[in-house]
């Protein structure tokens, strides 16, 4: 991370895990991003939803 602080505007970051994983894999990434001023969301995409979208 840069030593510069994030500008006055809050930036939002959305983290998406890969297949056969879950959002908990981002645990070590969320805290440093939040400390830099980012608003962070780690999505929980269930495997069935990924399979359904891929089949469409």
C-alpha atoms as a PDB file:
ATOM      1  CA  UNK A   1       0.000   0.000   0.000  1.00  0.00           C
ATOM      2  CA  UNK A   2       1.044   3.529  -0.670  1.00  0.00           C
ATOM      3  CA  UNK A   3       1.955   5.763   2.222  1.00  0.00           C
ATOM      4  CA  UNK A   4      -0.340   8.406   0.712  1.00  0.00           C
ATOM      5  CA  UNK A   5      -3.819   8.571   2.156  1.00  0.00           C
ATOM      6  CA  UNK A   6      -6.843   8.134  -0.066  1.00  0.00           C
ATOM      7  CA  UNK A   7      -8.356  11.402  -1.275  1.00  0.00           C
ATOM      8  CA  UNK A   8     -11.389  12.875   0.527  1.00  0.00           C
ATOM      9  CA  UNK A   9     -13.697  10.764  -1.640  1.00  0.00           C
ATOM     10  CA  UNK A  10     -14.109   7.223  -0.313  1.00  0.00           C
ATOM     11  CA  UNK A  11     -13.350   4.563  -2.873  1.00  0.00           C
ATOM     12  CA  UNK A  12     -15.348   1.325  -2.751  1.00  0.00           C
ATOM     13  CA  UNK A  13     -13.672  -1.961  -3.580  1.00  0.00           C
ATOM     14  CA  UNK A  14     -15.591  -5.167  -4.292  1.00  0.00           C
ATOM     15  CA  UNK A  15     -13.634  -8.409  -3.925  1.00  0.00           C
ATOM     16  CA  UNK A  16     -14.907 -11.550  -5.663  1.00  0.00           C
ATOM     17  CA  UNK A  17     -13.516 -14.983  -4.877  1.00  0.00           C
ATOM     18  CA  UNK A  18     -12.780 -17.699  -7.400  1.00  0.00           C
ATOM     19  CA  UNK A  19     -14.773 -20.868  -7.891  1.00  0.00           C
ATOM     20  CA  UNK A  20     -14.944 -23.348  -5.006  1.00  0.00           C
ATOM     21  CA  UNK A  21     -13.885 -20.730  -2.488  1.00  0.00           C
ATOM     22  CA  UNK A  22     -15.655 -18.126  -0.386  1.00  0.00           C
ATOM     23  CA  UNK A  23     -15.222 -14.520   0.661  1.00  0.00           C
ATOM     24  CA  UNK A  24     -13.245 -15.454   3.768  1.00  0.00           C
ATOM     25  CA  UNK A  25     -10.179 -15.785   1.538  1.00  0.00           C
ATOM     26  CA  UNK A  26     -10.065 -11.989   1.405  1.00  0.00           C
ATOM     27  CA  UNK A  27      -9.761 -11.572   5.198  1.00  0.00           C
ATOM     28  CA  UNK A  28      -6.081 -10.560   5.084  1.00  0.00           C
ATOM     29  CA  UNK A  29      -6.724  -8.083   2.270  1.00  0.00           C
ATOM     30  CA  UNK A  30      -9.765  -6.280   3.685  1.00  0.00           C
ATOM     31  CA  UNK A  31      -8.100  -4.822   6.779  1.00  0.00           C
ATOM     32  CA  UNK A  32      -5.170  -3.122   4.983  1.00  0.00           C
ATOM     33  CA  UNK A  33      -7.516  -1.690   2.337  1.00  0.00           C
ATOM     34  CA  UNK A  34      -9.870  -0.377   5.023  1.00  0.00           C
ATOM     35  CA  UNK A  35      -6.900   1.145   6.871  1.00  0.00           C
ATOM     36  CA  UNK A  36      -6.047   3.053   3.672  1.00  0.00           C
ATOM     37  CA  UNK A  37      -9.564   4.506   3.602  1.00  0.00           C
ATOM     38  CA  UNK A  38     -11.270   2.143   1.169  1.00  0.00           C
ATOM     39  CA  UNK A  39     -14.768   0.844   1.749  1.00  0.00           C
ATOM     40  CA  UNK A  40     -14.491  -2.907   1.085  1.00  0.00           C
ATOM     41  CA  UNK A  41     -17.054  -5.618   0.349  1.00  0.00           C
ATOM     42  CA  UNK A  42     -16.173  -9.292  -0.111  1.00  0.00           C
ATOM     43  CA  UNK A  43     -18.943 -11.035  -2.035  1.00  0.00           C
ATOM     44  CA  UNK A  44     -20.193 -14.453  -1.017  1.00  0.00           C
ATOM     45  CA  UNK A  45     -21.151 -16.126  -4.287  1.00  0.00           C
ATOM     46  CA  UNK A  46     -22.489 -19.607  -3.769  1.00  0.00           C
ATOM     47  CA  UNK A  47     -21.356 -22.358  -6.136  1.00  0.00           C
ATOM     48  CA  UNK A  48     -24.888 -23.039  -7.400  1.00  0.00           C
ATOM     49  CA  UNK A  49     -25.195 -19.440  -8.613  1.00  0.00           C
ATOM     50  CA  UNK A  50     -21.901 -19.688 -10.508  1.00  0.00           C
ATOM     51  CA  UNK A  51     -22.977 -22.952 -12.122  1.00  0.00           C
ATOM     52  CA  UNK A  52     -26.353 -21.502 -13.131  1.00  0.00           C
ATOM     53  CA  UNK A  53     -24.784 -18.416 -14.711  1.00  0.00           C
ATOM     54  CA  UNK A  54     -22.141 -20.480 -16.511  1.00  0.00           C
ATOM     55  CA  UNK A  55     -24.803 -22.778 -17.955  1.00  0.00           C
ATOM     56  CA  UNK A  56     -26.856 -19.865 -19.341  1.00  0.00           C
END
